[in-house]
PDB file of N, CA and C in Angstrom:
ATOM      1  N   UNK A   1      99.274  80.309 125.636  1.00  0.00           N
ATOM      2  CA  UNK A   1      97.538  81.238 125.480  1.00  0.00           C
ATOM      3  C   UNK A   1      96.962  80.118 124.857  1.00  0.00           C
ATOM      4  N   UNK A   2      96.862  79.158 123.861  1.00  0.00           N
ATOM      5  CA  UNK A   2      96.347  78.330 123.425  1.00  0.00           C
ATOM      6  C   UNK A   2      94.850  77.516 123.644  1.00  0.00           C
ATOM      7  N   UNK A   3      93.667  77.662 123.070  1.00  0.00           N
ATOM      8  CA  UNK A   3      93.071  76.961 124.559  1.00  0.00           C
ATOM      9  C   UNK A   3      92.821  75.138 123.553  1.00  0.00           C
ATOM     10  N   UNK A   4      92.497  74.292 124.539  1.00  0.00           N
ATOM     11  CA  UNK A   4      92.006  73.079 124.154  1.00  0.00           C
ATOM     12  C   UNK A   4      92.214  72.784 122.609  1.00  0.00           C
ATOM     13  N   UNK A   5      91.711  73.480 121.856  1.00  0.00           N
ATOM     14  CA  UNK A   5      91.190  72.822 120.401  1.00  0.00           C
ATOM     15  C   UNK A   5      92.996  74.042 119.692  1.00  0.00           C
ATOM     16  N   UNK A   6      93.692  74.252 120.022  1.00  0.00           N
ATOM     17  CA  UNK A   6      95.057  74.982 120.020  1.00  0.00           C
ATOM     18  C   UNK A   6      94.971  75.995 118.971  1.00  0.00           C
ATOM     19  N   UNK A   7      93.722  76.382 119.413  1.00  0.00           N
ATOM     20  CA  UNK A   7      93.756  78.137 119.453  1.00  0.00           C
ATOM     21  C   UNK A   7      93.946  79.605 120.187  1.00  0.00           C
ATOM     22  N   UNK A   8      94.481  80.600 119.188  1.00  0.00           N
ATOM     23  CA  UNK A   8      94.933  81.359 120.101  1.00  0.00           C
ATOM     24  C   UNK A   8      94.679  82.691 119.442  1.00  0.00           C
ATOM     25  N   UNK A   9      94.686  84.075 120.378  1.00  0.00           N
ATOM     26  CA  UNK A   9      94.516  85.417 119.273  1.00  0.00           C
ATOM     27  C   UNK A   9      95.178  86.788 119.943  1.00  0.00           C
ATOM     28  N   UNK A  10      96.297  86.408 120.204  1.00  0.00           N
ATOM     29  CA  UNK A  10      97.421  87.371 120.596  1.00  0.00           C
ATOM     30  C   UNK A  10      97.536  88.413 119.393  1.00  0.00           C
ATOM     31  N   UNK A  11      97.413  89.511 119.726  1.00  0.00           N
ATOM     32  CA  UNK A  11      97.970  90.889 119.067  1.00  0.00           C
ATOM     33  C   UNK A  11      99.587  90.754 118.729  1.00  0.00           C
ATOM     34  N   UNK A  12      99.688  91.115 117.656  1.00  0.00           N
ATOM     35  CA  UNK A  12     101.178  91.271 117.125  1.00  0.00           C
ATOM     36  C   UNK A  12     101.535  92.097 118.199  1.00  0.00           C
ATOM     37  N   UNK A  13     101.188  93.076 118.589  1.00  0.00           N
ATOM     38  CA  UNK A  13     101.554  93.861 119.559  1.00  0.00           C
ATOM     39  C   UNK A  13     101.942  93.422 121.018  1.00  0.00           C
ATOM     40  N   UNK A  14     100.842  92.681 121.657  1.00  0.00           N
ATOM     41  CA  UNK A  14     101.086  91.659 122.587  1.00  0.00           C
ATOM     42  C   UNK A  14     102.178  91.204 122.735  1.00  0.00           C
ATOM     43  N   UNK A  15     102.069  89.770 121.585  1.00  0.00           N
ATOM     44  CA  UNK A  15     103.371  88.993 121.467  1.00  0.00           C
ATOM     45  C   UNK A  15     104.775  89.975 121.363  1.00  0.00           C
ATOM     46  N   UNK A  16     104.797  90.620 120.602  1.00  0.00           N
ATOM     47  CA  UNK A  16     105.813  91.740 120.290  1.00  0.00           C
ATOM     48  C   UNK A  16     106.351  92.702 122.241  1.00  0.00           C
ATOM     49  N   UNK A  17     105.283  92.991 123.389  1.00  0.00           N
ATOM     50  CA  UNK A  17     105.533  93.447 124.493  1.00  0.00           C
ATOM     51  C   UNK A  17     106.165  92.169 125.184  1.00  0.00           C
ATOM     52  N   UNK A  18     105.325  90.765 124.827  1.00  0.00           N
ATOM     53  CA  UNK A  18     105.650  89.880 125.529  1.00  0.00           C
ATOM     54  C   UNK A  18     107.057  89.094 125.365  1.00  0.00           C
ATOM     55  N   UNK A  19     107.502  89.047 124.559  1.00  0.00           N
ATOM     56  CA  UNK A  19     108.081  88.656 123.848  1.00  0.00           C
ATOM     57  C   UNK A  19     110.019  89.649 123.992  1.00  0.00           C
ATOM     58  N   UNK A  20     109.932  90.894 124.133  1.00  0.00           N
ATOM     59  CA  UNK A  20     110.446  92.174 123.653  1.00  0.00           C
ATOM     60  C   UNK A  20     111.313  92.338 122.451  1.00  0.00           C
ATOM     61  N   UNK A  21     110.718  91.750 121.619  1.00  0.00           N
ATOM     62  CA  UNK A  21     111.095  91.791 119.805  1.00  0.00           C
ATOM     63  C   UNK A  21     110.150  92.931 119.564  1.00  0.00           C
ATOM     64  N   UNK A  22     110.579  93.441 118.402  1.00  0.00           N
ATOM     65  CA  UNK A  22     110.404  94.739 117.612  1.00  0.00           C
ATOM     66  C   UNK A  22     108.372  93.834 116.739  1.00  0.00           C
ATOM     67  N   UNK A  23     107.345  94.399 116.577  1.00  0.00           N
ATOM     68  CA  UNK A  23     106.499  94.297 115.637  1.00  0.00           C
ATOM     69  C   UNK A  23     107.092  93.663 114.821  1.00  0.00           C
ATOM     70  N   UNK A  24     107.669  94.012 113.939  1.00  0.00           N
ATOM     71  CA  UNK A  24     107.891  93.630 112.778  1.00  0.00           C
ATOM     72  C   UNK A  24     109.068  92.462 112.764  1.00  0.00           C
ATOM     73  N   UNK A  25     109.540  91.832 112.975  1.00  0.00           N
ATOM     74  CA  UNK A  25     110.230  90.501 114.350  1.00  0.00           C
ATOM     75  C   UNK A  25     108.816  89.929 114.562  1.00  0.00           C
ATOM     76  N   UNK A  26     108.119  89.983 114.702  1.00  0.00           N
ATOM     77  CA  UNK A  26     107.192  89.271 115.122  1.00  0.00           C
ATOM     78  C   UNK A  26     106.223  89.034 114.134  1.00  0.00           C
ATOM     79  N   UNK A  27     105.860  89.914 113.266  1.00  0.00           N
ATOM     80  CA  UNK A  27     104.946  89.441 111.900  1.00  0.00           C
ATOM     81  C   UNK A  27     106.150  88.196 111.082  1.00  0.00           C
ATOM     82  N   UNK A  28     107.054  89.001 110.809  1.00  0.00           N
ATOM     83  CA  UNK A  28     108.231  87.721 109.959  1.00  0.00           C
ATOM     84  C   UNK A  28     108.480  86.488 110.390  1.00  0.00           C
ATOM     85  N   UNK A  29     108.165  86.627 111.511  1.00  0.00           N
ATOM     86  CA  UNK A  29     108.543  85.379 112.797  1.00  0.00           C
ATOM     87  C   UNK A  29     106.836  84.342 112.516  1.00  0.00           C
ATOM     88  N   UNK A  30     106.152  84.730 112.910  1.00  0.00           N
ATOM     89  CA  UNK A  30     104.758  84.421 112.399  1.00  0.00           C
ATOM     90  C   UNK A  30     104.307  83.724 110.705  1.00  0.00           C
ATOM     91  N   UNK A  31     104.803  85.063 109.494  1.00  0.00           N
ATOM     92  CA  UNK A  31     104.662  84.708 108.380  1.00  0.00           C
ATOM     93  C   UNK A  31     105.441  83.418 108.414  1.00  0.00           C
ATOM     94  N   UNK A  32     106.813  83.087 108.925  1.00  0.00           N
ATOM     95  CA  UNK A  32     107.495  82.076 108.747  1.00  0.00           C
ATOM     96  C   UNK A  32     107.344  80.555 109.125  1.00  0.00           C
ATOM     97  N   UNK A  33     106.483  80.298 110.589  1.00  0.00           N
ATOM     98  CA  UNK A  33     105.861  80.000 111.469  1.00  0.00           C
ATOM     99  C   UNK A  33     104.404  78.838 110.387  1.00  0.00           C
ATOM    100  N   UNK A  34     103.775  79.861 109.623  1.00  0.00           N
ATOM    101  CA  UNK A  34     102.533  80.113 108.529  1.00  0.00           C
ATOM    102  C   UNK A  34     103.450  79.173 107.453  1.00  0.00           C
ATOM    103  N   UNK A  35     104.548  80.151 107.016  1.00  0.00           N
ATOM    104  CA  UNK A  35     104.984  78.706 105.827  1.00  0.00           C
ATOM    105  C   UNK A  35     105.710  77.229 105.971  1.00  0.00           C
ATOM    106  N   UNK A  36     106.106  77.295 106.806  1.00  0.00           N
ATOM    107  CA  UNK A  36     106.935  76.348 107.353  1.00  0.00           C
ATOM    108  C   UNK A  36     105.561  75.337 107.950  1.00  0.00           C
ATOM    109  N   UNK A  37     104.291  75.400 107.722  1.00  0.00           N
ATOM    110  CA  UNK A  37     103.278  74.453 108.720  1.00  0.00           C
ATOM    111  C   UNK A  37     102.909  74.344 109.890  1.00  0.00           C
ATOM    112  N   UNK A  38     103.908  74.804 110.323  1.00  0.00           N
ATOM    113  CA  UNK A  38     103.454  74.763 112.101  1.00  0.00           C
ATOM    114  C   UNK A  38     102.092  75.429 112.912  1.00  0.00           C
ATOM    115  N   UNK A  39     101.382  76.501 112.008  1.00  0.00           N
ATOM    116  CA  UNK A  39     100.529  77.143 112.289  1.00  0.00           C
ATOM    117  C   UNK A  39      99.592  77.759 111.214  1.00  0.00           C
ATOM    118  N   UNK A  40      98.432  77.912 111.400  1.00  0.00           N
ATOM    119  CA  UNK A  40      97.630  78.543 110.100  1.00  0.00           C
ATOM    120  C   UNK A  40      97.297  80.046 111.124  1.00  0.00           C
ATOM    121  N   UNK A  41      96.889  80.684 110.037  1.00  0.00           N
ATOM    122  CA  UNK A  41      96.623  81.890 110.610  1.00  0.00           C
ATOM    123  C   UNK A  41      95.388  82.400 109.897  1.00  0.00           C
ATOM    124  N   UNK A  42      94.272  83.373 110.315  1.00  0.00           N
ATOM    125  CA  UNK A  42      92.999  83.732 110.028  1.00  0.00           C
ATOM    126  C   UNK A  42      92.810  84.342 110.227  1.00  0.00           C
ATOM    127  N   UNK A  43      92.230  85.217 109.704  1.00  0.00           N
ATOM    128  CA  UNK A  43      91.796  86.600 109.937  1.00  0.00           C
ATOM    129  C   UNK A  43      90.610  87.214 111.037  1.00  0.00           C
ATOM    130  N   UNK A  44      90.348  87.421 111.144  1.00  0.00           N
ATOM    131  CA  UNK A  44      89.150  87.848 112.762  1.00  0.00           C
ATOM    132  C   UNK A  44      88.561  89.175 112.362  1.00  0.00           C
ATOM    133  N   UNK A  45      86.992  89.507 112.090  1.00  0.00           N
ATOM    134  CA  UNK A  45      86.470  91.294 112.588  1.00  0.00           C
ATOM    135  C   UNK A  45      85.590  91.084 113.492  1.00  0.00           C
ATOM    136  N   UNK A  46      85.845  92.482 114.072  1.00  0.00           N
ATOM    137  CA  UNK A  46      84.255  93.039 114.386  1.00  0.00           C
ATOM    138  C   UNK A  46      83.400  93.005 114.388  1.00  0.00           C
ATOM    139  N   UNK A  47      82.223  93.137 115.421  1.00  0.00           N
ATOM    140  CA  UNK A  47      81.326  93.432 114.887  1.00  0.00           C
ATOM    141  C   UNK A  47      80.766  94.424 113.728  1.00  0.00           C
ATOM    142  N   UNK A  48      81.326  95.181 114.303  1.00  0.00           N
ATOM    143  CA  UNK A  48      80.868  96.646 113.227  1.00  0.00           C
ATOM    144  C   UNK A  48      81.789  96.785 111.814  1.00  0.00           C
ATOM    145  N   UNK A  49      82.522  95.913 111.651  1.00  0.00           N
ATOM    146  CA  UNK A  49      83.496  95.119 110.509  1.00  0.00           C
ATOM    147  C   UNK A  49      84.832  95.501 110.272  1.00  0.00           C
ATOM    148  N   UNK A  50      85.333  95.870 111.403  1.00  0.00           N
ATOM    149  CA  UNK A  50      86.567  96.325 111.333  1.00  0.00           C
ATOM    150  C   UNK A  50      87.795  95.477 111.670  1.00  0.00           C
ATOM    151  N   UNK A  51      88.686  94.845 111.185  1.00  0.00           N
ATOM    152  CA  UNK A  51      89.848  94.072 111.544  1.00  0.00           C
ATOM    153  C   UNK A  51      90.021  93.604 112.750  1.00  0.00           C
ATOM    154  N   UNK A  52      90.432  92.475 113.650  1.00  0.00           N
ATOM    155  CA  UNK A  52      90.938  92.406 114.598  1.00  0.00           C
ATOM    156  C   UNK A  52      91.730  91.857 114.705  1.00  0.00           C
ATOM    157  N   UNK A  53      92.736  91.033 116.389  1.00  0.00           N
ATOM    158  CA  UNK A  53      93.643  90.416 116.047  1.00  0.00           C
ATOM    159  C   UNK A  53      93.443  89.186 115.398  1.00  0.00           C
ATOM    160  N   UNK A  54      94.491  88.588 114.020  1.00  0.00           N
ATOM    161  CA  UNK A  54      94.010  86.794 113.547  1.00  0.00           C
ATOM    162  C   UNK A  54      94.197  86.316 114.502  1.00  0.00           C
ATOM    163  N   UNK A  55      93.630  85.299 114.903  1.00  0.00           N
ATOM    164  CA  UNK A  55      93.383  83.736 115.078  1.00  0.00           C
ATOM    165  C   UNK A  55      94.456  83.075 114.664  1.00  0.00           C
ATOM    166  N   UNK A  56      95.698  82.077 115.495  1.00  0.00           N
ATOM    167  CA  UNK A  56      96.579  81.438 115.254  1.00  0.00           C
ATOM    168  C   UNK A  56      96.060  79.780 115.909  1.00  0.00           C
ATOM    169  N   UNK A  57      95.732  78.801 114.695  1.00  0.00           N
ATOM    170  CA  UNK A  57      95.242  77.862 115.128  1.00  0.00           C
ATOM    171  C   UNK A  57      97.083  76.547 114.929  1.00  0.00           C
ATOM    172  N   UNK A  58      97.094  75.662 115.886  1.00  0.00           N
ATOM    173  CA  UNK A  58      98.636  75.237 116.652  1.00  0.00           C
ATOM    174  C   UNK A  58      98.422  73.639 115.656  1.00  0.00           C
TER     175      UNK A  58
END
């Protein structure tokens, strides 16, 4: 899902659905990947100021 720059922004719900893992397991796995230095996680915001899915950088 990543683009040529290594950026992607699937929601936790999308990852959960695609992998058939619970959303809490996906969140924990993403945190583990960030802590291990495999990915970076940055928040994204909608034009109206509402939070959107995070962007992940590989």
